[in-house]
């Protein structure tokens, strides 16, 4: 039986080839250097031209990128400083994404705008971009329904009792820690 011995130079060549193969990339795998591109931004309000608490506002848009889109963060800002919501978009189909905002009683009435849309691709470089639509972007007007005045004496008395109880609850909440 014949045996072969491995020499030091052949071990060195084997080690170099192993390292090169481990870190080599195919020639076609060129790094994606471009951030995603956002187009076709549109707004739909569930019940008409304005949004009231309990209604839904849906922002739909398309984002394209050679390596795919990783994540999208969407921010809407209200009429007062500090009013706003940061919402994550979800892919609906293909390149179409959506953000759904459920308007609540805590959302102040007035004009709400898209402050920014920040998105990144799925490449290892995580190329990102932020669009700032601001004044030029679509808006949503939040309104509150007009209260219906009481019509019967029983409704008037019930309304007065409710106001008094709410007032007492506010006083207890404000000064409750002192008692």
N, C-alpha and C. Protein backbone atom coordinates (compact mmCIF):
# COMPACT_ATOMS: atom_id res chain seq x y z
N UNK A 1 0.84 -1.17 0.00
CA UNK A 1 0.00 0.00 0.00
C UNK A 1 0.89 1.23 0.00
N UNK A 2 0.48 2.13 -0.81
CA UNK A 2 1.28 3.33 -1.00
C UNK A 2 0.66 4.49 -0.23
N UNK A 3 1.39 5.23 0.52
CA UNK A 3 0.89 6.38 1.28
C UNK A 3 1.49 7.66 0.73
N UNK A 4 0.71 8.69 0.84
CA UNK A 4 1.20 10.00 0.40
C UNK A 4 1.34 10.89 1.61
N UNK A 5 2.34 11.64 1.62
CA UNK A 5 2.52 12.58 2.72
C UNK A 5 2.18 13.99 2.21
N UNK A 6 1.58 14.77 3.08
CA UNK A 6 1.22 16.14 2.72
C UNK A 6 2.32 17.04 3.25
N UNK A 7 2.84 17.86 2.38
CA UNK A 7 3.94 18.74 2.75
C UNK A 7 3.38 20.08 3.24
N UNK A 8 4.20 20.84 3.88
CA UNK A 8 3.82 22.15 4.41
C UNK A 8 3.36 23.09 3.29
N UNK A 9 4.06 23.17 2.13
CA UNK A 9 3.58 24.06 1.07
C UNK A 9 2.19 23.67 0.55
N UNK A 10 1.91 22.39 0.46
CA UNK A 10 0.59 22.00 -0.04
C UNK A 10 -0.49 22.32 1.00
N UNK A 11 -0.19 22.22 2.30
CA UNK A 11 -1.14 22.63 3.35
C UNK A 11 -1.42 24.12 3.28
N UNK A 12 -0.39 24.91 3.02
CA UNK A 12 -0.53 26.35 2.90
C UNK A 12 -1.43 26.71 1.72
N UNK A 13 -1.24 26.06 0.59
CA UNK A 13 -2.07 26.30 -0.59
C UNK A 13 -3.52 25.92 -0.28
N UNK A 14 -3.73 24.79 0.36
CA UNK A 14 -5.07 24.35 0.72
C UNK A 14 -5.76 25.35 1.65
N UNK A 15 -5.03 25.89 2.62
CA UNK A 15 -5.59 26.86 3.55
C UNK A 15 -5.98 28.16 2.84
N UNK A 16 -5.14 28.64 1.94
CA UNK A 16 -5.42 29.87 1.20
C UNK A 16 -6.64 29.68 0.30
N UNK A 17 -6.71 28.57 -0.40
CA UNK A 17 -7.86 28.30 -1.27
C UNK A 17 -9.14 28.22 -0.45
N UNK A 18 -9.12 27.61 0.71
CA UNK A 18 -10.31 27.51 1.58
C UNK A 18 -10.79 28.88 2.03
N UNK A 19 -9.86 29.73 2.41
CA UNK A 19 -10.22 31.07 2.86
C UNK A 19 -10.80 31.89 1.72
N UNK A 20 -10.18 31.84 0.56
CA UNK A 20 -10.68 32.58 -0.60
C UNK A 20 -12.09 32.10 -0.97
N UNK A 21 -12.30 30.81 -0.98
CA UNK A 21 -13.63 30.27 -1.33
C UNK A 21 -14.69 30.66 -0.31
N UNK A 22 -14.31 30.72 0.95
CA UNK A 22 -15.27 31.06 2.00
C UNK A 22 -15.75 32.49 1.89
N UNK A 23 -14.90 33.42 1.46
CA UNK A 23 -15.27 34.82 1.41
C UNK A 23 -15.57 35.34 0.01
N UNK A 24 -15.44 34.51 -0.97
CA UNK A 24 -15.68 34.93 -2.35
C UNK A 24 -17.18 35.08 -2.59
N UNK A 25 -17.54 36.05 -3.40
CA UNK A 25 -18.93 36.27 -3.80
C UNK A 25 -19.00 36.13 -5.31
N UNK A 26 -20.12 35.65 -5.78
CA UNK A 26 -20.26 35.57 -7.23
C UNK A 26 -20.18 36.96 -7.85
N UNK A 27 -19.74 37.06 -9.08
CA UNK A 27 -19.58 38.34 -9.76
C UNK A 27 -20.90 39.06 -9.91
N UNK A 28 -22.02 38.34 -9.96
CA UNK A 28 -23.33 38.96 -10.17
C UNK A 28 -23.87 39.63 -8.91
N UNK A 29 -23.31 39.34 -7.76
CA UNK A 29 -23.83 39.87 -6.51
C UNK A 29 -23.26 41.27 -6.25
N UNK A 30 -23.70 42.25 -6.98
CA UNK A 30 -23.27 43.63 -6.83
C UNK A 30 -24.12 44.26 -5.73
N UNK A 31 -23.50 45.03 -4.87
CA UNK A 31 -24.21 45.65 -3.75
C UNK A 31 -25.24 46.66 -4.25
N UNK A 32 -26.43 46.63 -3.64
CA UNK A 32 -27.49 47.59 -3.95
C UNK A 32 -27.16 48.88 -3.22
N UNK A 33 -26.94 49.95 -3.95
CA UNK A 33 -26.58 51.23 -3.35
C UNK A 33 -27.72 52.23 -3.36
N UNK A 34 -28.84 51.88 -4.00
CA UNK A 34 -29.95 52.82 -4.14
C UNK A 34 -31.03 52.56 -3.11
N UNK A 35 -31.56 53.63 -2.49
CA UNK A 35 -32.66 53.45 -1.55
C UNK A 35 -33.97 53.16 -2.30
N UNK A 36 -34.98 52.69 -1.60
CA UNK A 36 -36.28 52.45 -2.22
C UNK A 36 -36.89 53.76 -2.76
N UNK A 37 -37.86 53.61 -3.67
CA UNK A 37 -38.54 54.76 -4.26
C UNK A 37 -40.03 54.66 -3.95
N UNK A 38 -40.59 55.72 -3.38
CA UNK A 38 -42.01 55.77 -3.02
C UNK A 38 -42.78 56.53 -4.10
N UNK A 39 -43.94 55.98 -4.53
CA UNK A 39 -44.80 56.63 -5.51
C UNK A 39 -46.26 56.38 -5.17
N UNK A 40 -47.12 57.13 -5.81
CA UNK A 40 -48.56 56.88 -5.80
C UNK A 40 -49.18 56.89 -4.39
N UNK A 41 -48.86 57.89 -3.60
CA UNK A 41 -49.41 58.02 -2.24
C UNK A 41 -50.85 58.52 -2.31
N UNK A 42 -51.77 57.80 -1.68
CA UNK A 42 -53.18 58.19 -1.67
C UNK A 42 -53.80 57.95 -0.29
N UNK A 43 -54.88 58.69 -0.01
CA UNK A 43 -55.54 58.64 1.29
C UNK A 43 -57.01 58.31 1.10
N UNK A 44 -57.51 57.43 1.96
CA UNK A 44 -58.93 57.08 1.92
C UNK A 44 -59.47 57.12 3.35
N UNK A 45 -60.57 57.87 3.53
CA UNK A 45 -61.21 57.97 4.84
C UNK A 45 -62.47 57.11 4.80
N UNK A 46 -62.69 56.32 5.85
CA UNK A 46 -63.76 55.33 5.83
C UNK A 46 -65.15 55.90 5.61
N UNK A 47 -65.39 57.14 6.04
CA UNK A 47 -66.76 57.64 5.95
C UNK A 47 -66.79 59.10 5.49
N UNK A 48 -66.26 59.38 4.32
CA UNK A 48 -66.39 60.72 3.78
C UNK A 48 -65.14 61.55 3.78
N UNK A 49 -65.31 62.86 3.58
CA UNK A 49 -64.15 63.73 3.41
C UNK A 49 -63.41 64.07 4.70
N UNK A 50 -64.05 63.89 5.85
CA UNK A 50 -63.39 64.16 7.14
C UNK A 50 -63.43 62.90 7.99
N UNK A 51 -62.55 62.85 8.98
CA UNK A 51 -62.48 61.69 9.88
C UNK A 51 -62.94 62.10 11.27
N UNK A 52 -63.77 61.28 11.85
CA UNK A 52 -64.23 61.48 13.22
C UNK A 52 -63.71 60.33 14.08
N UNK A 53 -63.69 60.51 15.41
CA UNK A 53 -63.28 59.40 16.27
C UNK A 53 -64.09 58.15 15.95
N UNK A 54 -63.39 57.02 15.88
CA UNK A 54 -64.02 55.75 15.53
C UNK A 54 -63.90 55.41 14.06
N UNK A 55 -63.46 56.36 13.24
CA UNK A 55 -63.31 56.10 11.82
C UNK A 55 -61.87 55.72 11.49
N UNK A 56 -61.69 55.18 10.30
CA UNK A 56 -60.38 54.71 9.86
C UNK A 56 -59.89 55.52 8.68
N UNK A 57 -58.60 55.88 8.74
CA UNK A 57 -57.94 56.55 7.62
C UNK A 57 -56.88 55.58 7.09
N UNK A 58 -56.91 55.33 5.79
CA UNK A 58 -55.97 54.39 5.18
C UNK A 58 -55.09 55.13 4.18
N UNK A 59 -53.78 55.05 4.39
CA UNK A 59 -52.79 55.60 3.46
C UNK A 59 -52.26 54.42 2.65
N UNK A 60 -52.33 54.51 1.33
CA UNK A 60 -51.83 53.45 0.46
C UNK A 60 -50.77 54.05 -0.47
N UNK A 61 -49.70 53.30 -0.72
CA UNK A 61 -48.62 53.81 -1.57
C UNK A 61 -47.82 52.64 -2.11
N UNK A 62 -47.03 52.91 -3.12
CA UNK A 62 -46.16 51.90 -3.72
C UNK A 62 -44.71 52.24 -3.39
N UNK A 63 -43.93 51.21 -3.06
CA UNK A 63 -42.50 51.37 -2.84
C UNK A 63 -41.79 50.27 -3.63
N UNK A 64 -40.80 50.67 -4.42
CA UNK A 64 -40.03 49.70 -5.19
C UNK A 64 -38.55 49.81 -4.84
N UNK A 65 -37.87 48.65 -4.92
CA UNK A 65 -36.44 48.60 -4.68
C UNK A 65 -35.91 47.30 -5.30
N UNK A 66 -34.68 47.34 -5.80
CA UNK A 66 -34.09 46.18 -6.46
C UNK A 66 -33.97 44.98 -5.54
N UNK A 67 -33.70 45.21 -4.25
CA UNK A 67 -33.53 44.09 -3.32
C UNK A 67 -34.75 43.87 -2.44
N UNK A 68 -35.80 44.64 -2.66
CA UNK A 68 -37.00 44.52 -1.83
C UNK A 68 -37.01 45.56 -0.72
N UNK A 69 -38.16 45.76 -0.13
CA UNK A 69 -38.32 46.76 0.93
C UNK A 69 -38.34 46.03 2.27
N UNK A 70 -37.54 46.53 3.21
CA UNK A 70 -37.44 45.90 4.53
C UNK A 70 -38.50 46.38 5.50
N UNK A 71 -38.60 47.69 5.69
CA UNK A 71 -39.58 48.23 6.64
C UNK A 71 -39.94 49.65 6.25
N UNK A 72 -41.14 50.08 6.71
CA UNK A 72 -41.63 51.42 6.41
C UNK A 72 -42.24 51.99 7.70
N UNK A 73 -41.78 53.17 8.11
CA UNK A 73 -42.31 53.88 9.27
C UNK A 73 -42.99 55.14 8.78
N UNK A 74 -44.18 55.39 9.27
CA UNK A 74 -45.05 56.46 8.77
C UNK A 74 -45.44 57.33 9.96
N UNK A 75 -45.34 58.64 9.83
CA UNK A 75 -45.70 59.52 10.94
C UNK A 75 -46.70 60.57 10.47
N UNK A 76 -47.85 60.64 11.17
CA UNK A 76 -48.82 61.70 10.91
C UNK A 76 -48.80 62.64 12.11
N UNK A 77 -48.88 63.96 11.83
CA UNK A 77 -48.84 64.97 12.88
C UNK A 77 -50.11 65.78 12.87
N UNK A 78 -50.56 66.14 14.08
CA UNK A 78 -51.79 66.89 14.23
C UNK A 78 -51.60 68.38 14.22
N UNK A 79 -52.69 69.10 14.50
CA UNK A 79 -52.65 70.56 14.44
C UNK A 79 -51.84 71.20 15.57
N UNK A 80 -51.65 70.51 16.67
CA UNK A 80 -50.89 71.06 17.79
C UNK A 80 -49.53 70.37 17.87
N UNK A 81 -48.54 71.09 18.34
CA UNK A 81 -47.22 70.52 18.53
C UNK A 81 -47.33 69.35 19.50
N UNK A 82 -46.73 68.24 19.16
CA UNK A 82 -46.77 67.07 20.02
C UNK A 82 -47.86 66.08 19.65
N UNK A 83 -48.83 66.50 18.82
CA UNK A 83 -49.85 65.56 18.36
C UNK A 83 -49.25 64.72 17.26
N UNK A 84 -49.40 63.44 17.33
CA UNK A 84 -48.90 62.62 16.24
C UNK A 84 -48.95 61.14 16.54
N UNK A 85 -48.79 60.38 15.48
CA UNK A 85 -48.76 58.92 15.58
C UNK A 85 -47.65 58.39 14.68
N UNK A 86 -46.85 57.46 15.21
CA UNK A 86 -45.87 56.75 14.39
C UNK A 86 -46.46 55.37 14.14
N UNK A 87 -46.62 55.03 12.86
CA UNK A 87 -47.27 53.79 12.48
C UNK A 87 -46.39 53.00 11.52
N UNK A 88 -46.35 51.70 11.67
CA UNK A 88 -45.62 50.85 10.74
C UNK A 88 -46.53 50.44 9.60
N UNK A 89 -46.02 50.51 8.39
CA UNK A 89 -46.78 50.09 7.21
C UNK A 89 -46.68 48.58 7.04
N UNK A 90 -47.69 48.02 6.38
CA UNK A 90 -47.69 46.59 6.06
C UNK A 90 -47.81 46.44 4.56
N UNK A 91 -47.09 45.44 4.04
CA UNK A 91 -47.19 45.15 2.61
C UNK A 91 -48.55 44.52 2.35
N UNK A 92 -49.26 45.07 1.35
CA UNK A 92 -50.58 44.56 0.99
C UNK A 92 -50.44 43.52 -0.11
N UNK A 93 -49.72 43.90 -1.16
CA UNK A 93 -49.54 43.01 -2.30
C UNK A 93 -48.45 43.59 -3.20
N UNK A 94 -47.53 42.75 -3.61
CA UNK A 94 -46.47 43.21 -4.51
C UNK A 94 -45.70 44.38 -3.92
N UNK A 95 -45.76 45.53 -4.60
CA UNK A 95 -45.05 46.73 -4.12
C UNK A 95 -45.98 47.69 -3.38
N UNK A 96 -47.23 47.29 -3.16
CA UNK A 96 -48.22 48.16 -2.50
C UNK A 96 -48.19 47.95 -0.99
N UNK A 97 -48.11 49.08 -0.28
CA UNK A 97 -48.07 49.08 1.18
C UNK A 97 -49.22 49.93 1.71
N UNK A 98 -49.62 49.67 2.97
CA UNK A 98 -50.69 50.44 3.61
C UNK A 98 -50.36 50.75 5.05
N UNK A 99 -50.88 51.91 5.48
CA UNK A 99 -50.87 52.31 6.88
C UNK A 99 -52.31 52.60 7.26
N UNK A 100 -52.77 52.02 8.37
CA UNK A 100 -54.14 52.25 8.83
C UNK A 100 -54.07 53.02 10.14
N UNK A 101 -54.76 54.15 10.18
CA UNK A 101 -54.82 54.99 11.38
C UNK A 101 -56.27 54.99 11.85
N UNK A 102 -56.49 54.51 13.07
CA UNK A 102 -57.82 54.54 13.68
C UNK A 102 -57.92 55.81 14.51
N UNK A 103 -58.76 56.74 14.06
CA UNK A 103 -58.92 58.03 14.74
C UNK A 103 -59.63 57.79 16.07
N UNK A 104 -59.07 58.39 17.14
CA UNK A 104 -59.65 58.22 18.48
C UNK A 104 -60.09 59.56 19.05
N UNK A 105 -60.74 59.51 20.21
CA UNK A 105 -61.17 60.74 20.89
C UNK A 105 -59.97 61.60 21.29
N UNK A 106 -58.80 61.00 21.41
CA UNK A 106 -57.60 61.75 21.79
C UNK A 106 -56.97 62.53 20.64
N UNK A 107 -57.43 62.29 19.42
CA UNK A 107 -56.89 63.02 18.26
C UNK A 107 -57.61 64.35 18.13
N UNK A 108 -56.85 65.44 18.24
CA UNK A 108 -57.45 66.77 18.22
C UNK A 108 -58.10 67.08 16.87
N UNK A 109 -59.18 67.84 16.91
CA UNK A 109 -59.78 68.27 15.64
C UNK A 109 -58.85 69.24 14.91
N UNK A 110 -58.89 69.18 13.60
CA UNK A 110 -58.05 70.05 12.79
C UNK A 110 -57.41 69.27 11.67
N UNK A 111 -56.45 69.91 11.01
CA UNK A 111 -55.78 69.31 9.85
C UNK A 111 -54.57 68.50 10.32
N UNK A 112 -54.53 67.24 9.91
CA UNK A 112 -53.41 66.34 10.19
C UNK A 112 -52.64 66.12 8.90
N UNK A 113 -51.31 66.05 9.00
CA UNK A 113 -50.45 65.90 7.82
C UNK A 113 -49.50 64.72 8.01
N UNK A 114 -49.00 64.24 6.90
CA UNK A 114 -47.95 63.22 6.95
C UNK A 114 -46.64 63.97 7.22
N UNK A 115 -46.05 63.76 8.38
CA UNK A 115 -44.78 64.42 8.71
C UNK A 115 -43.65 63.82 7.91
N UNK A 116 -43.54 62.50 7.97
CA UNK A 116 -42.49 61.84 7.21
C UNK A 116 -42.84 60.38 6.98
N UNK A 117 -42.18 59.82 5.96
CA UNK A 117 -42.27 58.39 5.67
C UNK A 117 -40.82 57.93 5.54
N UNK A 118 -40.41 57.02 6.41
CA UNK A 118 -39.04 56.54 6.40
C UNK A 118 -39.05 55.06 6.03
N UNK A 119 -38.19 54.68 5.09
CA UNK A 119 -38.19 53.29 4.64
C UNK A 119 -36.78 52.86 4.29
N UNK A 120 -36.57 51.54 4.37
CA UNK A 120 -35.26 50.99 4.04
C UNK A 120 -35.44 49.72 3.23
N UNK A 121 -34.39 49.38 2.47
CA UNK A 121 -34.48 48.19 1.64
C UNK A 121 -33.99 46.96 2.38
N UNK A 122 -34.03 45.82 1.70
CA UNK A 122 -33.65 44.55 2.30
C UNK A 122 -32.19 44.16 2.03
N UNK A 123 -31.43 45.07 1.42
CA UNK A 123 -30.03 44.74 1.12
C UNK A 123 -29.22 44.69 2.41
N UNK A 124 -28.06 44.05 2.38
CA UNK A 124 -27.20 44.03 3.58
C UNK A 124 -26.80 45.44 4.02
N UNK A 125 -26.81 46.41 3.10
CA UNK A 125 -26.44 47.78 3.45
C UNK A 125 -27.58 48.54 4.12
N UNK A 126 -28.80 48.01 4.03
CA UNK A 126 -30.00 48.64 4.60
C UNK A 126 -30.13 50.09 4.16
N UNK A 127 -30.08 50.32 2.84
CA UNK A 127 -30.22 51.67 2.30
C UNK A 127 -31.57 52.24 2.73
N UNK A 128 -31.56 53.46 3.22
CA UNK A 128 -32.80 54.04 3.70
C UNK A 128 -33.02 55.42 3.09
N UNK A 129 -34.25 55.86 3.18
CA UNK A 129 -34.61 57.18 2.68
C UNK A 129 -35.78 57.68 3.51
N UNK A 130 -35.88 58.98 3.66
CA UNK A 130 -37.01 59.59 4.35
C UNK A 130 -37.60 60.66 3.46
N UNK A 131 -38.91 60.58 3.24
CA UNK A 131 -39.63 61.61 2.51
C UNK A 131 -40.35 62.49 3.53
N UNK A 132 -40.39 63.79 3.26
CA UNK A 132 -41.02 64.76 4.15
C UNK A 132 -42.13 65.49 3.40
N UNK A 133 -43.30 64.86 3.21
CA UNK A 133 -44.36 65.52 2.43
C UNK A 133 -44.82 66.84 3.02
N UNK A 134 -44.95 66.92 4.34
CA UNK A 134 -45.33 68.16 5.02
C UNK A 134 -46.50 68.89 4.40
N UNK A 135 -46.30 70.19 4.13
CA UNK A 135 -47.36 71.04 3.61
C UNK A 135 -47.86 70.60 2.23
N UNK A 136 -46.99 70.00 1.43
CA UNK A 136 -47.37 69.63 0.07
C UNK A 136 -48.03 68.26 -0.01
N UNK A 137 -47.99 67.51 1.07
CA UNK A 137 -48.57 66.16 1.06
C UNK A 137 -50.06 66.15 1.34
N UNK A 138 -50.66 64.97 1.24
CA UNK A 138 -52.09 64.86 1.52
C UNK A 138 -52.40 65.16 2.99
N UNK A 139 -53.60 65.63 3.24
CA UNK A 139 -54.02 65.97 4.60
C UNK A 139 -55.30 65.21 4.96
N UNK A 140 -55.56 65.14 6.25
CA UNK A 140 -56.79 64.55 6.78
C UNK A 140 -57.33 65.55 7.79
N UNK A 141 -58.61 65.91 7.64
CA UNK A 141 -59.24 66.81 8.60
C UNK A 141 -60.03 65.99 9.61
N UNK A 142 -59.65 66.11 10.88
CA UNK A 142 -60.35 65.41 11.96
C UNK A 142 -61.40 66.35 12.53
N UNK A 143 -62.61 65.87 12.63
CA UNK A 143 -63.71 66.65 13.20
C UNK A 143 -64.40 65.83 14.28
N UNK A 144 -65.21 66.51 15.06
CA UNK A 144 -66.02 65.83 16.06
C UNK A 144 -67.47 66.05 15.72
N UNK A 145 -68.30 65.04 15.92
CA UNK A 145 -69.73 65.23 15.61
C UNK A 145 -70.34 66.26 16.55
N UNK A 146 -71.31 67.00 16.03
CA UNK A 146 -72.01 67.98 16.86
C UNK A 146 -72.83 67.23 17.92
N UNK A 147 -72.74 67.67 19.17
CA UNK A 147 -73.53 66.99 20.20
C UNK A 147 -75.03 67.24 19.95
N UNK A 148 -75.80 66.23 20.24
CA UNK A 148 -77.25 66.34 20.09
C UNK A 148 -77.81 66.86 21.41
N UNK A 149 -78.50 68.02 21.37
CA UNK A 149 -79.02 68.57 22.63
C UNK A 149 -80.15 67.68 23.18
N UNK A 150 -80.27 67.63 24.52
CA UNK A 150 -81.35 66.85 25.12
C UNK A 150 -82.72 67.44 24.75
N UNK A 151 -83.69 66.58 24.61
CA UNK A 151 -85.01 67.05 24.20
C UNK A 151 -86.06 66.94 25.28
N UNK A 152 -85.95 66.00 26.18
CA UNK A 152 -86.96 65.86 27.24
C UNK A 152 -86.38 66.32 28.57
N UNK A 153 -87.26 66.55 29.53
CA UNK A 153 -86.83 66.99 30.87
C UNK A 153 -85.96 65.91 31.50
N UNK A 154 -86.30 64.65 31.29
CA UNK A 154 -85.52 63.55 31.86
C UNK A 154 -84.08 63.57 31.29
N UNK A 155 -83.93 63.82 29.98
CA UNK A 155 -82.61 63.89 29.37
C UNK A 155 -81.82 65.09 29.88
N UNK A 156 -82.51 66.22 30.11
CA UNK A 156 -81.84 67.41 30.64
C UNK A 156 -81.30 67.14 32.04
N UNK A 157 -82.14 66.54 32.90
CA UNK A 157 -81.71 66.23 34.28
C UNK A 157 -80.55 65.24 34.25
N UNK A 158 -80.66 64.19 33.41
CA UNK A 158 -79.59 63.20 33.29
C UNK A 158 -78.29 63.86 32.82
N UNK A 159 -78.39 64.79 31.90
CA UNK A 159 -77.22 65.50 31.39
C UNK A 159 -76.57 66.33 32.49
N UNK A 160 -77.36 67.02 33.31
CA UNK A 160 -76.83 67.83 34.42
C UNK A 160 -76.16 66.93 35.45
N UNK A 161 -76.77 65.81 35.79
CA UNK A 161 -76.18 64.88 36.75
C UNK A 161 -74.85 64.34 36.22
N UNK A 162 -74.81 63.99 34.95
CA UNK A 162 -73.57 63.48 34.35
C UNK A 162 -72.47 64.54 34.40
N UNK A 163 -72.79 65.80 34.10
CA UNK A 163 -71.79 66.86 34.17
C UNK A 163 -71.27 67.04 35.58
N UNK A 164 -72.16 67.00 36.59
CA UNK A 164 -71.74 67.16 37.98
C UNK A 164 -70.84 66.00 38.40
N UNK A 165 -71.22 64.77 38.04
CA UNK A 165 -70.39 63.61 38.40
C UNK A 165 -69.03 63.66 37.71
N UNK A 166 -69.00 64.08 36.45
CA UNK A 166 -67.71 64.23 35.76
C UNK A 166 -66.84 65.29 36.42
N UNK A 167 -67.46 66.40 36.87
CA UNK A 167 -66.73 67.46 37.54
C UNK A 167 -66.16 66.96 38.86
N UNK A 168 -66.94 66.21 39.62
CA UNK A 168 -66.47 65.65 40.90
C UNK A 168 -65.33 64.67 40.64
N UNK A 169 -65.46 63.85 39.60
CA UNK A 169 -64.40 62.89 39.28
C UNK A 169 -63.09 63.60 38.93
N UNK A 170 -63.19 64.74 38.23
CA UNK A 170 -61.99 65.50 37.90
C UNK A 170 -61.34 66.09 39.15
N UNK A 171 -62.16 66.57 40.07
CA UNK A 171 -61.61 67.13 41.31
C UNK A 171 -60.93 66.04 42.14
N UNK A 172 -61.57 64.88 42.24
CA UNK A 172 -60.98 63.76 43.00
C UNK A 172 -59.68 63.32 42.34
N UNK A 173 -59.65 63.28 41.02
CA UNK A 173 -58.42 62.85 40.32
C UNK A 173 -57.31 63.87 40.53
N UNK A 174 -57.66 65.15 40.54
CA UNK A 174 -56.64 66.19 40.70
C UNK A 174 -56.12 66.28 42.13
N UNK A 175 -57.00 66.12 43.11
CA UNK A 175 -56.60 66.31 44.51
C UNK A 175 -56.64 65.02 45.31
N UNK A 176 -56.86 63.89 44.66
CA UNK A 176 -56.98 62.61 45.36
C UNK A 176 -55.75 62.24 46.14
N UNK A 177 -54.58 62.64 45.66
CA UNK A 177 -53.35 62.28 46.37
C UNK A 177 -53.19 63.07 47.67
N UNK A 178 -53.94 64.15 47.85
CA UNK A 178 -53.84 64.93 49.08
C UNK A 178 -54.70 64.36 50.20
N UNK A 179 -55.70 63.55 49.86
CA UNK A 179 -56.61 63.01 50.89
C UNK A 179 -56.10 61.78 51.48
